[in-house]
PDB file of N, CA and C in Angstrom:
ATOM      1  N   MET A   1       9.372   1.179  12.312  1.00  0.00           N
ATOM      2  CA  MET A   1       8.568   0.028  11.931  1.00  0.00           C
ATOM      3  C   MET A   1       7.102   0.440  11.914  1.00  0.00           C
ATOM      4  N   LEU A   2       6.466   0.251  10.787  1.00  0.00           N
ATOM      5  CA  LEU A   2       5.045   0.566  10.660  1.00  0.00           C
ATOM      6  C   LEU A   2       4.205  -0.444  11.431  1.00  0.00           C
ATOM      7  N   GLY A   3       3.134   0.045  12.007  1.00  0.00           N
ATOM      8  CA  GLY A   3       2.236  -0.830  12.738  1.00  0.00           C
ATOM      9  C   GLY A   3       2.798  -1.259  14.080  1.00  0.00           C
ATOM     10  N   ASN A   4       3.854  -0.566  14.515  1.00  0.00           N
ATOM     11  CA  ASN A   4       4.495  -0.973  15.760  1.00  0.00           C
ATOM     12  C   ASN A   4       3.589  -0.764  16.960  1.00  0.00           C
ATOM     13  N   ARG A   5       2.911   0.388  17.020  1.00  0.00           N
ATOM     14  CA  ARG A   5       2.099   0.696  18.187  1.00  0.00           C
ATOM     15  C   ARG A   5       0.613   0.808  17.895  1.00  0.00           C
ATOM     16  N   ARG A   6       0.284   1.130  16.658  1.00  0.00           N
ATOM     17  CA  ARG A   6      -1.134   1.337  16.367  1.00  0.00           C
ATOM     18  C   ARG A   6      -1.543   0.543  15.146  1.00  0.00           C
ATOM     19  N   LYS A   7      -2.814   0.301  15.058  1.00  0.00           N
ATOM     20  CA  LYS A   7      -3.356  -0.418  13.909  1.00  0.00           C
ATOM     21  C   LYS A   7      -3.300   0.491  12.697  1.00  0.00           C
ATOM     22  N   ILE A   8      -2.983  -0.108  11.552  1.00  0.00           N
ATOM     23  CA  ILE A   8      -2.811   0.672  10.334  1.00  0.00           C
ATOM     24  C   ILE A   8      -3.164  -0.185   9.120  1.00  0.00           C
ATOM     25  N   PHE A   9      -3.748   0.449   8.114  1.00  0.00           N
ATOM     26  CA  PHE A   9      -4.019  -0.226   6.849  1.00  0.00           C
ATOM     27  C   PHE A   9      -2.827   0.041   5.936  1.00  0.00           C
ATOM     28  N   VAL A  10      -2.288  -1.008   5.338  1.00  0.00           N
ATOM     29  CA  VAL A  10      -1.121  -0.836   4.471  1.00  0.00           C
ATOM     30  C   VAL A  10      -1.517  -1.033   3.012  1.00  0.00           C
ATOM     31  N   ASP A  11      -1.200  -0.032   2.219  1.00  0.00           N
ATOM     32  CA  ASP A  11      -1.479  -0.045   0.793  1.00  0.00           C
ATOM     33  C   ASP A  11      -0.547  -1.041   0.100  1.00  0.00           C
ATOM     34  N   THR A  12      -0.919  -1.437  -1.086  1.00  0.00           N
ATOM     35  CA  THR A  12      -0.161  -2.416  -1.854  1.00  0.00           C
ATOM     36  C   THR A  12       1.305  -2.017  -2.011  1.00  0.00           C
ATOM     37  N   CYS A  13       1.562  -0.756  -2.301  1.00  0.00           N
ATOM     38  CA  CYS A  13       2.939  -0.301  -2.517  1.00  0.00           C
ATOM     39  C   CYS A  13       3.796  -0.496  -1.267  1.00  0.00           C
ATOM     40  N   VAL A  14       3.211  -0.358  -0.105  1.00  0.00           N
ATOM     41  CA  VAL A  14       3.941  -0.554   1.151  1.00  0.00           C
ATOM     42  C   VAL A  14       4.201  -2.041   1.373  1.00  0.00           C
ATOM     43  N   VAL A  15       3.193  -2.867   1.118  1.00  0.00           N
ATOM     44  CA  VAL A  15       3.373  -4.312   1.283  1.00  0.00           C
ATOM     45  C   VAL A  15       4.444  -4.822   0.317  1.00  0.00           C
ATOM     46  N   ILE A  16       4.493  -4.283  -0.881  1.00  0.00           N
ATOM     47  CA  ILE A  16       5.524  -4.686  -1.849  1.00  0.00           C
ATOM     48  C   ILE A  16       6.918  -4.425  -1.279  1.00  0.00           C
ATOM     49  N   GLU A  17       7.110  -3.281  -0.644  1.00  0.00           N
ATOM     50  CA  GLU A  17       8.413  -2.982  -0.033  1.00  0.00           C
ATOM     51  C   GLU A  17       8.717  -3.962   1.100  1.00  0.00           C
ATOM     52  N   TYR A  18       7.695  -4.361   1.840  1.00  0.00           N
ATOM     53  CA  TYR A  18       7.863  -5.382   2.882  1.00  0.00           C
ATOM     54  C   TYR A  18       8.266  -6.725   2.259  1.00  0.00           C
ATOM     55  N   LEU A  19       7.591  -7.097   1.171  1.00  0.00           N
ATOM     56  CA  LEU A  19       7.894  -8.364   0.508  1.00  0.00           C
ATOM     57  C   LEU A  19       9.318  -8.389  -0.046  1.00  0.00           C
ATOM     58  N   LYS A  20       9.833  -7.234  -0.430  1.00  0.00           N
ATOM     59  CA  LYS A  20      11.197  -7.128  -0.948  1.00  0.00           C
ATOM     60  C   LYS A  20      12.232  -7.031   0.181  1.00  0.00           C
ATOM     61  N   ASP A  21      11.767  -7.086   1.427  1.00  0.00           N
ATOM     62  CA  ASP A  21      12.626  -6.937   2.613  1.00  0.00           C
ATOM     63  C   ASP A  21      13.247  -5.548   2.725  1.00  0.00           C
ATOM     64  N   ASN A  22      12.569  -4.542   2.169  1.00  0.00           N
ATOM     65  CA  ASN A  22      13.029  -3.160   2.272  1.00  0.00           C
ATOM     66  C   ASN A  22      12.360  -2.398   3.407  1.00  0.00           C
ATOM     67  N   LEU A  23      11.418  -3.061   4.096  1.00  0.00           N
ATOM     68  CA  LEU A  23      10.619  -2.396   5.116  1.00  0.00           C
ATOM     69  C   LEU A  23      10.239  -3.405   6.185  1.00  0.00           C
ATOM     70  N   SER A  24      10.261  -2.971   7.418  1.00  0.00           N
ATOM     71  CA  SER A  24       9.861  -3.815   8.539  1.00  0.00           C
ATOM     72  C   SER A  24       8.442  -3.448   8.955  1.00  0.00           C
ATOM     73  N   LEU A  25       7.606  -4.452   9.126  1.00  0.00           N
ATOM     74  CA  LEU A  25       6.217  -4.234   9.536  1.00  0.00           C
ATOM     75  C   LEU A  25       5.883  -5.133  10.716  1.00  0.00           C
ATOM     76  N   ASN A  26       5.097  -4.608  11.640  1.00  0.00           N
ATOM     77  CA  ASN A  26       4.528  -5.425  12.698  1.00  0.00           C
ATOM     78  C   ASN A  26       3.190  -5.926  12.160  1.00  0.00           C
ATOM     79  N   LYS A  27       3.198  -7.097  11.561  1.00  0.00           N
ATOM     80  CA  LYS A  27       2.025  -7.603  10.847  1.00  0.00           C
ATOM     81  C   LYS A  27       0.796  -7.743  11.735  1.00  0.00           C
ATOM     82  N   THR A  28       0.974  -7.923  13.026  1.00  0.00           N
ATOM     83  CA  THR A  28      -0.193  -8.106  13.900  1.00  0.00           C
ATOM     84  C   THR A  28      -1.040  -6.851  13.990  1.00  0.00           C
ATOM     85  N   ASN A  29      -0.471  -5.682  13.643  1.00  0.00           N
ATOM     86  CA  ASN A  29      -1.227  -4.432  13.647  1.00  0.00           C
ATOM     87  C   ASN A  29      -1.480  -3.895  12.243  1.00  0.00           C
ATOM     88  N   CYS A  30      -1.149  -4.684  11.214  1.00  0.00           N
ATOM     89  CA  CYS A  30      -1.297  -4.250   9.829  1.00  0.00           C
ATOM     90  C   CYS A  30      -2.491  -4.926   9.173  1.00  0.00           C
ATOM     91  N   TYR A  31      -3.299  -4.118   8.538  1.00  0.00           N
ATOM     92  CA  TYR A  31      -4.517  -4.582   7.890  1.00  0.00           C
ATOM     93  C   TYR A  31      -4.436  -4.384   6.390  1.00  0.00           C
ATOM     94  N   ILE A  32      -5.019  -5.318   5.655  1.00  0.00           N
ATOM     95  CA  ILE A  32      -5.169  -5.224   4.206  1.00  0.00           C
ATOM     96  C   ILE A  32      -6.591  -5.656   3.866  1.00  0.00           C
ATOM     97  N   ASN A  33      -6.977  -5.496   2.615  1.00  0.00           N
ATOM     98  CA  ASN A  33      -8.270  -6.016   2.158  1.00  0.00           C
ATOM     99  C   ASN A  33      -8.039  -6.854   0.902  1.00  0.00           C
ATOM    100  N   HIS A  34      -9.114  -7.323   0.316  1.00  0.00           N
ATOM    101  CA  HIS A  34      -8.994  -8.199  -0.851  1.00  0.00           C
ATOM    102  C   HIS A  34      -8.432  -7.464  -2.070  1.00  0.00           C
ATOM    103  N   ILE A  35      -8.617  -6.165  -2.141  1.00  0.00           N
ATOM    104  CA  ILE A  35      -8.047  -5.390  -3.246  1.00  0.00           C
ATOM    105  C   ILE A  35      -6.522  -5.477  -3.184  1.00  0.00           C
ATOM    106  N   VAL A  36      -5.954  -5.224  -2.016  1.00  0.00           N
ATOM    107  CA  VAL A  36      -4.502  -5.312  -1.848  1.00  0.00           C
ATOM    108  C   VAL A  36      -4.036  -6.729  -2.149  1.00  0.00           C
ATOM    109  N   LEU A  37      -4.751  -7.703  -1.635  1.00  0.00           N
ATOM    110  CA  LEU A  37      -4.402  -9.107  -1.857  1.00  0.00           C
ATOM    111  C   LEU A  37      -4.357  -9.430  -3.353  1.00  0.00           C
ATOM    112  N   MET A  38      -5.388  -9.023  -4.085  1.00  0.00           N
ATOM    113  CA  MET A  38      -5.432  -9.303  -5.517  1.00  0.00           C
ATOM    114  C   MET A  38      -4.337  -8.563  -6.278  1.00  0.00           C
ATOM    115  N   GLU A  39      -4.052  -7.317  -5.888  1.00  0.00           N
ATOM    116  CA  GLU A  39      -2.979  -6.576  -6.554  1.00  0.00           C
ATOM    117  C   GLU A  39      -1.636  -7.262  -6.334  1.00  0.00           C
ATOM    118  N   LEU A  40      -1.427  -7.819  -5.159  1.00  0.00           N
ATOM    119  CA  LEU A  40      -0.179  -8.547  -4.880  1.00  0.00           C
ATOM    120  C   LEU A  40      -0.127  -9.858  -5.656  1.00  0.00           C
ATOM    121  N   TYR A  41      -1.231 -10.581  -5.668  1.00  0.00           N
ATOM    122  CA  TYR A  41      -1.265 -11.861  -6.387  1.00  0.00           C
ATOM    123  C   TYR A  41      -1.034 -11.675  -7.876  1.00  0.00           C
ATOM    124  N   ILE A  42      -1.621 -10.629  -8.443  1.00  0.00           N
ATOM    125  CA  ILE A  42      -1.481 -10.411  -9.884  1.00  0.00           C
ATOM    126  C   ILE A  42      -0.048 -10.021 -10.246  1.00  0.00           C
ATOM    127  N   GLY A  43       0.711  -9.552  -9.257  1.00  0.00           N
ATOM    128  CA  GLY A  43       2.103  -9.197  -9.498  1.00  0.00           C
ATOM    129  C   GLY A  43       3.068 -10.373  -9.424  1.00  0.00           C
ATOM    130  N   ALA A  44       2.561 -11.555  -9.057  1.00  0.00           N
ATOM    131  CA  ALA A  44       3.436 -12.729  -8.968  1.00  0.00           C
ATOM    132  C   ALA A  44       3.936 -13.112 -10.355  1.00  0.00           C
ATOM    133  N   LYS A  45       5.214 -13.489 -10.434  1.00  0.00           N
ATOM    134  CA  LYS A  45       5.819 -13.851 -11.712  1.00  0.00           C
ATOM    135  C   LYS A  45       5.507 -15.291 -12.112  1.00  0.00           C
ATOM    136  N   ASN A  46       5.313 -16.146 -11.096  1.00  0.00           N
ATOM    137  CA  ASN A  46       5.045 -17.562 -11.350  1.00  0.00           C
ATOM    138  C   ASN A  46       4.435 -18.170 -10.088  1.00  0.00           C
ATOM    139  N   LYS A  47       4.142 -19.468 -10.118  1.00  0.00           N
ATOM    140  CA  LYS A  47       3.479 -20.114  -8.975  1.00  0.00           C
ATOM    141  C   LYS A  47       4.358 -20.131  -7.726  1.00  0.00           C
ATOM    142  N   LYS A  48       5.648 -20.277  -7.903  1.00  0.00           N
ATOM    143  CA  LYS A  48       6.569 -20.250  -6.758  1.00  0.00           C
ATOM    144  C   LYS A  48       6.534 -18.873  -6.096  1.00  0.00           C
ATOM    145  N   ASP A  49       6.567 -17.839  -6.905  1.00  0.00           N
ATOM    146  CA  ASP A  49       6.508 -16.470  -6.401  1.00  0.00           C
ATOM    147  C   ASP A  49       5.188 -16.235  -5.659  1.00  0.00           C
ATOM    148  N   LEU A  50       4.090 -16.728  -6.199  1.00  0.00           N
ATOM    149  CA  LEU A  50       2.790 -16.595  -5.562  1.00  0.00           C
ATOM    150  C   LEU A  50       2.780 -17.281  -4.197  1.00  0.00           C
ATOM    151  N   ARG A  51       3.352 -18.483  -4.112  1.00  0.00           N
ATOM    152  CA  ARG A  51       3.437 -19.194  -2.826  1.00  0.00           C
ATOM    153  C   ARG A  51       4.244 -18.394  -1.808  1.00  0.00           C
ATOM    154  N   GLU A  52       5.337 -17.794  -2.250  1.00  0.00           N
ATOM    155  CA  GLU A  52       6.171 -16.990  -1.356  1.00  0.00           C
ATOM    156  C   GLU A  52       5.425 -15.743  -0.873  1.00  0.00           C
ATOM    157  N   ILE A  53       4.691 -15.106  -1.758  1.00  0.00           N
ATOM    158  CA  ILE A  53       3.882 -13.940  -1.384  1.00  0.00           C
ATOM    159  C   ILE A  53       2.858 -14.348  -0.341  1.00  0.00           C
ATOM    160  N   LYS A  54       2.140 -15.430  -0.598  1.00  0.00           N
ATOM    161  CA  LYS A  54       1.115 -15.891   0.333  1.00  0.00           C
ATOM    162  C   LYS A  54       1.705 -16.220   1.702  1.00  0.00           C
ATOM    163  N   ALA A  55       2.875 -16.832   1.712  1.00  0.00           N
ATOM    164  CA  ALA A  55       3.526 -17.191   2.979  1.00  0.00           C
ATOM    165  C   ALA A  55       3.917 -15.942   3.769  1.00  0.00           C
ATOM    166  N   LYS A  56       4.446 -14.933   3.074  1.00  0.00           N
ATOM    167  CA  LYS A  56       4.871 -13.708   3.757  1.00  0.00           C
ATOM    168  C   LYS A  56       3.688 -12.866   4.235  1.00  0.00           C
ATOM    169  N   LEU A  57       2.518 -13.094   3.656  1.00  0.00           N
ATOM    170  CA  LEU A  57       1.335 -12.332   4.067  1.00  0.00           C
ATOM    171  C   LEU A  57       0.665 -12.918   5.308  1.00  0.00           C
ATOM    172  N   GLN A  58       1.103 -14.108   5.718  1.00  0.00           N
ATOM    173  CA  GLN A  58       0.547 -14.705   6.935  1.00  0.00           C
ATOM    174  C   GLN A  58       0.770 -13.743   8.097  1.00  0.00           C
ATOM    175  N   GLY A  59      -0.276 -13.476   8.850  1.00  0.00           N
ATOM    176  CA  GLY A  59      -0.175 -12.568   9.990  1.00  0.00           C
ATOM    177  C   GLY A  59      -0.815 -11.217   9.748  1.00  0.00           C
ATOM    178  N   PHE A  60      -0.952 -10.817   8.467  1.00  0.00           N
ATOM    179  CA  PHE A  60      -1.693  -9.592   8.187  1.00  0.00           C
ATOM    180  C   PHE A  60      -3.166  -9.846   8.483  1.00  0.00           C
ATOM    181  N   LYS A  61      -3.849  -8.832   8.947  1.00  0.00           N
ATOM    182  CA  LYS A  61      -5.290  -8.938   9.202  1.00  0.00           C
ATOM    183  C   LYS A  61      -6.027  -8.574   7.910  1.00  0.00           C
ATOM    184  N   LEU A  62      -6.951  -9.450   7.499  1.00  0.00           N
ATOM    185  CA  LEU A  62      -7.707  -9.230   6.269  1.00  0.00           C
ATOM    186  C   LEU A  62      -9.086  -8.687   6.611  1.00  0.00           C
ATOM    187  N   LEU A  63      -9.392  -7.501   6.117  1.00  0.00           N
ATOM    188  CA  LEU A  63     -10.694  -6.875   6.349  1.00  0.00           C
ATOM    189  C   LEU A  63     -11.642  -7.197   5.205  1.00  0.00           C
ATOM    190  N   GLU A  64     -12.853  -7.552   5.554  1.00  0.00           N
ATOM    191  CA  GLU A  64     -13.868  -7.847   4.546  1.00  0.00           C
ATOM    192  C   GLU A  64     -14.390  -6.551   3.928  1.00  0.00           C
ATOM    193  N   THR A  65     -14.763  -6.635   2.679  1.00  0.00           N
ATOM    194  CA  THR A  65     -15.384  -5.509   1.986  1.00  0.00           C
ATOM    195  C   THR A  65     -16.889  -5.715   2.030  1.00  0.00           C
ATOM    196  N   ASN A  66     -17.564  -4.889   2.816  1.00  0.00           N
ATOM    197  CA  ASN A  66     -19.009  -5.043   2.990  1.00  0.00           C
ATOM    198  C   ASN A  66     -19.769  -3.969   2.192  1.00  0.00           C
ATOM    199  N   GLN A  67     -21.068  -3.989   2.307  1.00  0.00           N
ATOM    200  CA  GLN A  67     -21.908  -3.060   1.544  1.00  0.00           C
ATOM    201  C   GLN A  67     -21.662  -1.609   1.937  1.00  0.00           C
ATOM    202  N   GLU A  68     -21.402  -1.358   3.205  1.00  0.00           N
ATOM    203  CA  GLU A  68     -21.123   0.007   3.666  1.00  0.00           C
ATOM    204  C   GLU A  68     -19.858   0.562   2.977  1.00  0.00           C
ATOM    205  N   ILE A  69     -18.852  -0.274   2.868  1.00  0.00           N
ATOM    206  CA  ILE A  69     -17.617   0.123   2.187  1.00  0.00           C
ATOM    207  C   ILE A  69     -17.883   0.369   0.709  1.00  0.00           C
ATOM    208  N   MET A  70     -18.660  -0.506   0.078  1.00  0.00           N
ATOM    209  CA  MET A  70     -18.963  -0.325  -1.345  1.00  0.00           C
ATOM    210  C   MET A  70     -19.789   0.938  -1.591  1.00  0.00           C
ATOM    211  N   ASN A  71     -20.721   1.238  -0.689  1.00  0.00           N
ATOM    212  CA  ASN A  71     -21.521   2.462  -0.834  1.00  0.00           C
ATOM    213  C   ASN A  71     -20.641   3.708  -0.750  1.00  0.00           C
ATOM    214  N   LEU A  72     -19.735   3.741   0.222  1.00  0.00           N
ATOM    215  CA  LEU A  72     -18.835   4.883   0.349  1.00  0.00           C
ATOM    216  C   LEU A  72     -17.882   4.957  -0.845  1.00  0.00           C
ATOM    217  N   SER A  73     -17.416   3.822  -1.322  1.00  0.00           N
ATOM    218  CA  SER A  73     -16.548   3.788  -2.509  1.00  0.00           C
ATOM    219  C   SER A  73     -17.245   4.393  -3.713  1.00  0.00           C
ATOM    220  N   THR A  74     -18.493   4.067  -3.868  1.00  0.00           N
ATOM    221  CA  THR A  74     -19.285   4.608  -4.979  1.00  0.00           C
ATOM    222  C   THR A  74     -19.395   6.122  -4.867  1.00  0.00           C
ATOM    223  N   GLN A  75     -19.589   6.624  -3.650  1.00  0.00           N
ATOM    224  CA  GLN A  75     -19.645   8.078  -3.447  1.00  0.00           C
ATOM    225  C   GLN A  75     -18.310   8.737  -3.784  1.00  0.00           C
ATOM    226  N   ILE A  76     -17.219   8.093  -3.391  1.00  0.00           N
ATOM    227  CA  ILE A  76     -15.891   8.641  -3.701  1.00  0.00           C
ATOM    228  C   ILE A  76     -15.687   8.713  -5.215  1.00  0.00           C
ATOM    229  N   ILE A  77     -16.066   7.659  -5.917  1.00  0.00           N
ATOM    230  CA  ILE A  77     -15.952   7.650  -7.383  1.00  0.00           C
ATOM    231  C   ILE A  77     -16.826   8.745  -7.990  1.00  0.00           C
ATOM    232  N   GLU A  78     -18.040   8.870  -7.492  1.00  0.00           N
ATOM    233  CA  GLU A  78     -18.957   9.886  -8.012  1.00  0.00           C
ATOM    234  C   GLU A  78     -18.380  11.292  -7.842  1.00  0.00           C
ATOM    235  N   HIS A  79     -17.784  11.560  -6.696  1.00  0.00           N
ATOM    236  CA  HIS A  79     -17.293  12.903  -6.398  1.00  0.00           C
ATOM    237  C   HIS A  79     -15.900  13.202  -6.950  1.00  0.00           C
ATOM    238  N   PHE A  80     -15.069  12.171  -7.136  1.00  0.00           N
ATOM    239  CA  PHE A  80     -13.672  12.436  -7.438  1.00  0.00           C
ATOM    240  C   PHE A  80     -13.118  11.776  -8.703  1.00  0.00           C
ATOM    241  N   SER A  81     -13.925  11.007  -9.411  1.00  0.00           N
ATOM    242  CA  SER A  81     -13.362  10.354 -10.603  1.00  0.00           C
ATOM    243  C   SER A  81     -13.051  11.368 -11.702  1.00  0.00           C
ATOM    244  N   LEU A  82     -13.892  12.341 -11.889  1.00  0.00           N
ATOM    245  CA  LEU A  82     -13.649  13.333 -12.943  1.00  0.00           C
ATOM    246  C   LEU A  82     -12.611  14.371 -12.527  1.00  0.00           C
ATOM    247  N   SER A  83     -12.679  14.823 -11.292  1.00  0.00           N
ATOM    248  CA  SER A  83     -11.772  15.888 -10.847  1.00  0.00           C
ATOM    249  C   SER A  83     -10.380  15.390 -10.466  1.00  0.00           C
ATOM    250  N   HIS A  84     -10.286  14.161  -9.932  1.00  0.00           N
ATOM    251  CA  HIS A  84      -9.011  13.665  -9.428  1.00  0.00           C
ATOM    252  C   HIS A  84      -8.609  12.310 -10.007  1.00  0.00           C
ATOM    253  N   ASN A  85      -9.369  11.842 -10.991  1.00  0.00           N
ATOM    254  CA  ASN A  85      -9.075  10.557 -11.626  1.00  0.00           C
ATOM    255  C   ASN A  85      -9.083   9.397 -10.618  1.00  0.00           C
ATOM    256  N   ALA A  86     -10.032   9.444  -9.682  1.00  0.00           N
ATOM    257  CA  ALA A  86     -10.141   8.392  -8.660  1.00  0.00           C
ATOM    258  C   ALA A  86     -10.351   7.040  -9.325  1.00  0.00           C
ATOM    259  N   LYS A  87      -9.654   6.052  -8.818  1.00  0.00           N
ATOM    260  CA  LYS A  87      -9.735   4.682  -9.329  1.00  0.00           C
ATOM    261  C   LYS A  87     -10.583   3.825  -8.401  1.00  0.00           C
ATOM    262  N   ILE A  88     -11.214   2.808  -8.957  1.00  0.00           N
ATOM    263  CA  ILE A  88     -12.090   1.929  -8.178  1.00  0.00           C
ATOM    264  C   ILE A  88     -11.334   1.295  -7.013  1.00  0.00           C
ATOM    265  N   GLN A  89     -10.168   0.702  -7.297  1.00  0.00           N
ATOM    266  CA  GLN A  89      -9.429   0.008  -6.239  1.00  0.00           C
ATOM    267  C   GLN A  89      -9.009   0.973  -5.133  1.00  0.00           C
ATOM    268  N   ASP A  90      -8.617   2.184  -5.487  1.00  0.00           N
ATOM    269  CA  ASP A  90      -8.207   3.160  -4.478  1.00  0.00           C
ATOM    270  C   ASP A  90      -9.396   3.634  -3.651  1.00  0.00           C
ATOM    271  N   SER A  91     -10.556   3.761  -4.289  1.00  0.00           N
ATOM    272  CA  SER A  91     -11.739   4.182  -3.538  1.00  0.00           C
ATOM    273  C   SER A  91     -12.164   3.104  -2.537  1.00  0.00           C
ATOM    274  N   ILE A  92     -12.002   1.845  -2.894  1.00  0.00           N
ATOM    275  CA  ILE A  92     -12.340   0.760  -1.972  1.00  0.00           C
ATOM    276  C   ILE A  92     -11.338   0.713  -0.811  1.00  0.00           C
ATOM    277  N   ILE A  93     -10.064   0.916  -1.106  1.00  0.00           N
ATOM    278  CA  ILE A  93      -9.054   0.967  -0.051  1.00  0.00           C
ATOM    279  C   ILE A  93      -9.343   2.131   0.896  1.00  0.00           C
ATOM    280  N   ALA A  94      -9.581   3.313   0.351  1.00  0.00           N
ATOM    281  CA  ALA A  94      -9.871   4.486   1.180  1.00  0.00           C
ATOM    282  C   ALA A  94     -11.132   4.278   2.018  1.00  0.00           C
ATOM    283  N   SER A  95     -12.158   3.730   1.413  1.00  0.00           N
ATOM    284  CA  SER A  95     -13.410   3.484   2.135  1.00  0.00           C
ATOM    285  C   SER A  95     -13.215   2.480   3.264  1.00  0.00           C
ATOM    286  N   THR A  96     -12.400   1.465   3.016  1.00  0.00           N
ATOM    287  CA  THR A  96     -12.103   0.478   4.051  1.00  0.00           C
ATOM    288  C   THR A  96     -11.440   1.164   5.246  1.00  0.00           C
ATOM    289  N   CYS A  97     -10.512   2.069   4.967  1.00  0.00           N
ATOM    290  CA  CYS A  97      -9.839   2.808   6.038  1.00  0.00           C
ATOM    291  C   CYS A  97     -10.822   3.700   6.798  1.00  0.00           C
ATOM    292  N   LEU A  98     -11.640   4.420   6.068  1.00  0.00           N
ATOM    293  CA  LEU A  98     -12.586   5.345   6.700  1.00  0.00           C
ATOM    294  C   LEU A  98     -13.612   4.606   7.558  1.00  0.00           C
ATOM    295  N   ILE A  99     -14.174   3.547   7.039  1.00  0.00           N
ATOM    296  CA  ILE A  99     -15.201   2.790   7.770  1.00  0.00           C
ATOM    297  C   ILE A  99     -14.617   2.123   9.011  1.00  0.00           C
ATOM    298  N   ASN A 100     -13.382   1.652   8.905  1.00  0.00           N
ATOM    299  CA  ASN A 100     -12.739   0.953  10.025  1.00  0.00           C
ATOM    300  C   ASN A 100     -11.883   1.877  10.886  1.00  0.00           C
ATOM    301  N   ASN A 101     -11.910   3.183  10.585  1.00  0.00           N
ATOM    302  CA  ASN A 101     -11.172   4.178  11.357  1.00  0.00           C
ATOM    303  C   ASN A 101      -9.684   3.836  11.468  1.00  0.00           C
ATOM    304  N   LEU A 102      -9.080   3.529  10.315  1.00  0.00           N
ATOM    305  CA  LEU A 102      -7.664   3.174  10.262  1.00  0.00           C
ATOM    306  C   LEU A 102      -6.905   4.167   9.397  1.00  0.00           C
ATOM    307  N   PRO A 103      -5.716   4.582   9.829  1.00  0.00           N
ATOM    308  CA  PRO A 103      -4.886   5.387   8.939  1.00  0.00           C
ATOM    309  C   PRO A 103      -4.368   4.523   7.796  1.00  0.00           C
ATOM    310  N   LEU A 104      -4.065   5.159   6.684  1.00  0.00           N
ATOM    311  CA  LEU A 104      -3.566   4.469   5.501  1.00  0.00           C
ATOM    312  C   LEU A 104      -2.078   4.748   5.332  1.00  0.00           C
ATOM    313  N   ALA A 105      -1.275   3.690   5.300  1.00  0.00           N
ATOM    314  CA  ALA A 105       0.149   3.817   4.998  1.00  0.00           C
ATOM    315  C   ALA A 105       0.322   3.609   3.501  1.00  0.00           C
ATOM    316  N   THR A 106       0.819   4.632   2.818  1.00  0.00           N
ATOM    317  CA  THR A 106       1.000   4.558   1.368  1.00  0.00           C
ATOM    318  C   THR A 106       2.130   5.469   0.928  1.00  0.00           C
ATOM    319  N   TYR A 107       2.706   5.150  -0.209  1.00  0.00           N
ATOM    320  CA  TYR A 107       3.662   6.036  -0.868  1.00  0.00           C
ATOM    321  C   TYR A 107       2.971   6.816  -1.984  1.00  0.00           C
ATOM    322  N   ASN A 108       1.761   6.424  -2.332  1.00  0.00           N
ATOM    323  CA  ASN A 108       1.025   7.018  -3.448  1.00  0.00           C
ATOM    324  C   ASN A 108       0.080   8.107  -2.949  1.00  0.00           C
ATOM    325  N   LEU A 109       0.634   9.202  -2.499  1.00  0.00           N
ATOM    326  CA  LEU A 109      -0.175  10.280  -1.930  1.00  0.00           C
ATOM    327  C   LEU A 109      -1.185  10.837  -2.918  1.00  0.00           C
ATOM    328  N   ARG A 110      -0.799  10.970  -4.183  1.00  0.00           N
ATOM    329  CA  ARG A 110      -1.699  11.579  -5.170  1.00  0.00           C
ATOM    330  C   ARG A 110      -2.974  10.756  -5.375  1.00  0.00           C
ATOM    331  N   ASP A 111      -2.914   9.461  -5.049  1.00  0.00           N
ATOM    332  CA  ASP A 111      -4.093   8.610  -5.216  1.00  0.00           C
ATOM    333  C   ASP A 111      -5.113   8.789  -4.102  1.00  0.00           C
ATOM    334  N   PHE A 112      -4.706   9.419  -2.995  1.00  0.00           N
ATOM    335  CA  PHE A 112      -5.578   9.460  -1.819  1.00  0.00           C
ATOM    336  C   PHE A 112      -5.709  10.827  -1.154  1.00  0.00           C
ATOM    337  N   ARG A 113      -4.816  11.764  -1.407  1.00  0.00           N
ATOM    338  CA  ARG A 113      -4.756  12.995  -0.615  1.00  0.00           C
ATOM    339  C   ARG A 113      -6.014  13.858  -0.701  1.00  0.00           C
ATOM    340  N   TYR A 114      -6.804  13.699  -1.709  1.00  0.00           N
ATOM    341  CA  TYR A 114      -8.010  14.502  -1.910  1.00  0.00           C
ATOM    342  C   TYR A 114      -9.239  13.955  -1.173  1.00  0.00           C
ATOM    343  N   ILE A 115      -9.114  12.805  -0.544  1.00  0.00           N
ATOM    344  CA  ILE A 115     -10.257  12.170   0.108  1.00  0.00           C
ATOM    345  C   ILE A 115     -10.415  12.731   1.524  1.00  0.00           C
ATOM    346  N   PRO A 116     -11.530  13.404   1.796  1.00  0.00           N
ATOM    347  CA  PRO A 116     -11.726  14.028   3.109  1.00  0.00           C
ATOM    348  C   PRO A 116     -11.701  13.005   4.248  1.00  0.00           C
ATOM    349  N   ASN A 117     -11.099  13.418   5.351  1.00  0.00           N
ATOM    350  CA  ASN A 117     -11.051  12.639   6.600  1.00  0.00           C
ATOM    351  C   ASN A 117     -10.210  11.382   6.548  1.00  0.00           C
ATOM    352  N   LEU A 118      -9.511  11.153   5.453  1.00  0.00           N
ATOM    353  CA  LEU A 118      -8.633   9.987   5.366  1.00  0.00           C
ATOM    354  C   LEU A 118      -7.265  10.362   5.917  1.00  0.00           C
ATOM    355  N   GLU A 119      -6.866   9.676   6.992  1.00  0.00           N
ATOM    356  CA  GLU A 119      -5.547   9.930   7.582  1.00  0.00           C
ATOM    357  C   GLU A 119      -4.509   9.108   6.803  1.00  0.00           C
ATOM    358  N   ILE A 120      -3.517   9.825   6.293  1.00  0.00           N
ATOM    359  CA  ILE A 120      -2.478   9.176   5.490  1.00  0.00           C
ATOM    360  C   ILE A 120      -1.152   9.237   6.243  1.00  0.00           C
ATOM    361  N   VAL A 121      -0.514   8.084   6.301  1.00  0.00           N
ATOM    362  CA  VAL A 121       0.814   7.963   6.903  1.00  0.00           C
ATOM    363  C   VAL A 121       1.745   7.548   5.776  1.00  0.00           C
ATOM    364  N   ILE A 122       2.820   8.284   5.599  1.00  0.00           N
ATOM    365  CA  ILE A 122       3.758   7.931   4.535  1.00  0.00           C
ATOM    366  C   ILE A 122       4.524   6.690   4.983  1.00  0.00           C
ATOM    367  N   GLY A 123       4.443   5.647   4.129  1.00  0.00           N
ATOM    368  CA  GLY A 123       5.055   4.372   4.447  1.00  0.00           C
ATOM    369  C   GLY A 123       6.510   4.528   4.713  1.00  0.00           C
TER     370      GLY A 123
END
């Protein structure tokens, strides 16, 4: 179970597996940000699905995206967009983890493995 003993940031792909009941999470130790929230909301098929997603997300800790996170995200894009095809949403997720000293649980290693000092936990 992810987040069982330590605090962890969960990427959208991991939360999707939780929403499908394919993964067990200790939500009290799991963190997300508005990027993850929006990616999940945009994946809803209809209003009923959106309500179900919102209900299942109760208990996750939501981290605010502040100026420090945006500044680091901009640096990540500057350094890695050309060489590694870094995406805006991934840079904000990575920056949130780095600033808050949280490991990132993800299945998308190629989106994050090049970012220095980012601890990645395979979901």
